[in-house]
């Protein structure tokens, strides 16, 4: 699974992934550049399938989106 995102300025970012019950599956600290970035997650890292949500936080910016993981 590839998650693409864009930041106005370079800096630290945090990606968290939760399952439908809200259980935290993954936290990854990222160093992002200004502009377009992407992070790749494997099914093994996530440890779950189905509808998951991910949250990307960088500075004052936070975005939460849904994704579907199929095994």
N, C-alpha and C. Protein backbone atom coordinates (compact mmCIF):
# COMPACT_ATOMS: atom_id res chain seq x y z
N UNK A 1 0.85 -1.18 0.00
CA UNK A 1 0.00 0.00 0.00
C UNK A 1 0.89 1.23 0.00
N UNK A 2 0.63 2.14 -0.90
CA UNK A 2 1.40 3.38 -0.98
C UNK A 2 0.49 4.54 -0.59
N UNK A 3 0.95 5.34 0.36
CA UNK A 3 0.22 6.53 0.79
C UNK A 3 1.02 7.73 0.32
N UNK A 4 0.40 8.55 -0.48
CA UNK A 4 1.05 9.76 -1.01
C UNK A 4 0.50 10.98 -0.27
N UNK A 5 1.39 11.93 -0.03
CA UNK A 5 0.97 13.16 0.63
C UNK A 5 1.89 14.30 0.19
N UNK A 6 1.43 15.51 0.41
CA UNK A 6 2.19 16.68 0.00
C UNK A 6 2.27 17.65 1.18
N UNK A 7 3.47 18.19 1.41
CA UNK A 7 3.69 19.14 2.50
C UNK A 7 4.23 20.45 1.94
N UNK A 8 3.86 21.54 2.57
CA UNK A 8 4.33 22.86 2.14
C UNK A 8 5.79 23.08 2.52
N UNK A 9 6.20 22.55 3.67
CA UNK A 9 7.58 22.71 4.14
C UNK A 9 8.11 21.36 4.60
N UNK A 10 9.41 21.19 4.52
CA UNK A 10 10.05 19.96 4.98
C UNK A 10 9.97 19.87 6.50
N UNK A 11 9.93 18.64 7.02
CA UNK A 11 9.90 18.47 8.46
C UNK A 11 9.47 17.08 8.86
N UNK A 12 9.35 16.90 10.16
CA UNK A 12 8.95 15.61 10.71
C UNK A 12 7.45 15.41 10.52
N UNK A 13 7.08 14.16 10.29
CA UNK A 13 5.67 13.79 10.17
C UNK A 13 5.48 12.45 10.87
N UNK A 14 4.26 12.18 11.29
CA UNK A 14 3.94 10.91 11.93
C UNK A 14 2.75 10.29 11.22
N UNK A 15 2.87 9.01 10.90
CA UNK A 15 1.78 8.26 10.28
C UNK A 15 1.33 7.20 11.28
N UNK A 16 0.04 7.16 11.57
CA UNK A 16 -0.52 6.11 12.42
C UNK A 16 -1.61 5.39 11.63
N UNK A 17 -1.74 4.09 11.87
CA UNK A 17 -2.77 3.29 11.21
C UNK A 17 -3.57 2.58 12.29
N UNK A 18 -4.92 2.66 12.19
CA UNK A 18 -5.82 2.03 13.15
C UNK A 18 -6.78 1.11 12.42
N UNK A 19 -7.23 0.07 13.13
CA UNK A 19 -8.26 -0.79 12.55
C UNK A 19 -9.64 -0.19 12.84
N UNK A 20 -10.69 -0.88 12.40
CA UNK A 20 -12.05 -0.36 12.54
C UNK A 20 -12.47 -0.19 14.00
N UNK A 21 -11.85 -0.95 14.91
CA UNK A 21 -12.17 -0.85 16.33
C UNK A 21 -11.35 0.25 17.02
N UNK A 22 -10.46 0.91 16.26
CA UNK A 22 -9.65 1.97 16.84
C UNK A 22 -8.34 1.51 17.42
N UNK A 23 -8.01 0.22 17.28
CA UNK A 23 -6.74 -0.28 17.80
C UNK A 23 -5.59 0.22 16.94
N UNK A 24 -4.55 0.70 17.58
CA UNK A 24 -3.37 1.19 16.87
C UNK A 24 -2.59 0.02 16.30
N UNK A 25 -2.38 0.00 14.99
CA UNK A 25 -1.66 -1.08 14.33
C UNK A 25 -0.23 -0.70 14.01
N UNK A 26 0.01 0.58 13.76
CA UNK A 26 1.33 1.01 13.30
C UNK A 26 1.52 2.49 13.58
N UNK A 27 2.72 2.83 14.01
CA UNK A 27 3.13 4.23 14.10
C UNK A 27 4.47 4.33 13.41
N UNK A 28 4.59 5.28 12.50
CA UNK A 28 5.86 5.45 11.79
C UNK A 28 6.23 6.93 11.79
N UNK A 29 7.44 7.22 12.26
CA UNK A 29 7.98 8.58 12.23
C UNK A 29 8.63 8.78 10.86
N UNK A 30 8.34 9.90 10.23
CA UNK A 30 8.83 10.17 8.88
C UNK A 30 9.56 11.51 8.85
N UNK A 31 10.55 11.61 7.98
CA UNK A 31 11.18 12.89 7.66
C UNK A 31 10.76 13.22 6.23
N UNK A 32 9.92 14.20 6.08
CA UNK A 32 9.34 14.51 4.78
C UNK A 32 10.00 15.75 4.18
N UNK A 33 10.05 15.78 2.86
CA UNK A 33 10.56 16.94 2.14
C UNK A 33 9.39 17.85 1.79
N UNK A 34 9.70 19.08 1.45
CA UNK A 34 8.65 19.97 0.95
C UNK A 34 8.21 19.44 -0.41
N UNK A 35 6.92 19.42 -0.64
CA UNK A 35 6.39 18.89 -1.89
C UNK A 35 5.82 17.51 -1.70
N UNK A 36 5.88 16.71 -2.76
CA UNK A 36 5.26 15.38 -2.75
C UNK A 36 6.14 14.35 -2.06
N UNK A 37 5.49 13.51 -1.27
CA UNK A 37 6.14 12.43 -0.54
C UNK A 37 5.27 11.19 -0.64
N UNK A 38 5.86 10.05 -0.32
CA UNK A 38 5.06 8.82 -0.24
C UNK A 38 5.71 7.88 0.76
N UNK A 39 4.87 7.03 1.34
CA UNK A 39 5.33 5.99 2.26
C UNK A 39 4.68 4.69 1.82
N UNK A 40 5.46 3.61 1.85
CA UNK A 40 4.96 2.30 1.44
C UNK A 40 4.80 1.42 2.67
N UNK A 41 3.63 0.79 2.80
CA UNK A 41 3.34 -0.11 3.90
C UNK A 41 3.07 -1.49 3.33
N UNK A 42 3.56 -2.52 4.01
CA UNK A 42 3.29 -3.89 3.58
C UNK A 42 2.19 -4.48 4.44
N UNK A 43 1.52 -5.50 3.92
CA UNK A 43 0.46 -6.17 4.68
C UNK A 43 1.02 -6.76 5.97
N UNK A 44 2.26 -7.23 5.93
CA UNK A 44 2.90 -7.78 7.12
C UNK A 44 3.07 -6.75 8.22
N UNK A 45 3.39 -5.53 7.85
CA UNK A 45 3.54 -4.45 8.83
C UNK A 45 2.20 -4.12 9.49
N UNK A 46 1.14 -4.14 8.70
CA UNK A 46 -0.17 -3.76 9.21
C UNK A 46 -0.78 -4.84 10.09
N UNK A 47 -0.60 -6.10 9.72
CA UNK A 47 -1.10 -7.19 10.53
C UNK A 47 -2.62 -7.32 10.55
N UNK A 48 -3.30 -6.63 9.65
CA UNK A 48 -4.76 -6.70 9.62
C UNK A 48 -5.23 -6.42 8.20
N UNK A 49 -6.41 -6.91 7.89
CA UNK A 49 -7.04 -6.64 6.60
C UNK A 49 -8.38 -5.98 6.85
N UNK A 50 -8.97 -5.44 5.81
CA UNK A 50 -10.27 -4.80 5.93
C UNK A 50 -10.13 -3.29 5.82
N UNK A 51 -11.11 -2.59 6.36
CA UNK A 51 -11.10 -1.12 6.31
C UNK A 51 -10.26 -0.61 7.47
N UNK A 52 -9.22 0.12 7.15
CA UNK A 52 -8.34 0.72 8.14
C UNK A 52 -8.34 2.23 7.94
N UNK A 53 -8.00 2.97 8.97
CA UNK A 53 -7.84 4.41 8.83
C UNK A 53 -6.39 4.76 9.11
N UNK A 54 -5.91 5.78 8.42
CA UNK A 54 -4.57 6.27 8.71
C UNK A 54 -4.64 7.76 8.95
N UNK A 55 -3.77 8.22 9.82
CA UNK A 55 -3.70 9.64 10.16
C UNK A 55 -2.28 10.11 9.94
N UNK A 56 -2.13 11.19 9.20
CA UNK A 56 -0.84 11.80 8.96
C UNK A 56 -0.82 13.14 9.68
N UNK A 57 0.19 13.34 10.52
CA UNK A 57 0.33 14.59 11.26
C UNK A 57 1.70 15.18 10.95
N UNK A 58 1.71 16.45 10.57
CA UNK A 58 2.95 17.17 10.30
C UNK A 58 2.74 18.62 10.73
N UNK A 59 3.44 19.03 11.77
CA UNK A 59 3.24 20.39 12.28
C UNK A 59 1.81 20.58 12.73
N UNK A 60 1.15 21.62 12.22
CA UNK A 60 -0.24 21.90 12.56
C UNK A 60 -1.24 21.16 11.68
N UNK A 61 -0.73 20.41 10.70
CA UNK A 61 -1.58 19.71 9.74
C UNK A 61 -1.87 18.29 10.20
N UNK A 62 -3.14 17.89 10.16
CA UNK A 62 -3.55 16.51 10.45
C UNK A 62 -4.62 16.12 9.45
N UNK A 63 -4.45 14.93 8.85
CA UNK A 63 -5.46 14.41 7.92
C UNK A 63 -5.68 12.94 8.22
N UNK A 64 -6.93 12.52 8.21
CA UNK A 64 -7.30 11.12 8.42
C UNK A 64 -8.07 10.63 7.21
N UNK A 65 -7.67 9.48 6.70
CA UNK A 65 -8.32 8.89 5.53
C UNK A 65 -8.54 7.40 5.76
N UNK A 66 -9.42 6.81 4.96
CA UNK A 66 -9.68 5.37 5.02
C UNK A 66 -8.94 4.67 3.90
N UNK A 67 -8.61 3.40 4.14
CA UNK A 67 -8.04 2.56 3.09
C UNK A 67 -8.54 1.15 3.30
N UNK A 68 -8.55 0.37 2.24
CA UNK A 68 -8.97 -1.03 2.30
C UNK A 68 -7.76 -1.90 2.02
N UNK A 69 -7.47 -2.81 2.94
CA UNK A 69 -6.35 -3.74 2.79
C UNK A 69 -6.93 -5.13 2.54
N UNK A 70 -6.54 -5.73 1.43
CA UNK A 70 -7.01 -7.06 1.04
C UNK A 70 -5.84 -8.02 1.13
N UNK A 71 -6.08 -9.17 1.74
CA UNK A 71 -5.02 -10.18 1.82
C UNK A 71 -5.23 -11.24 0.80
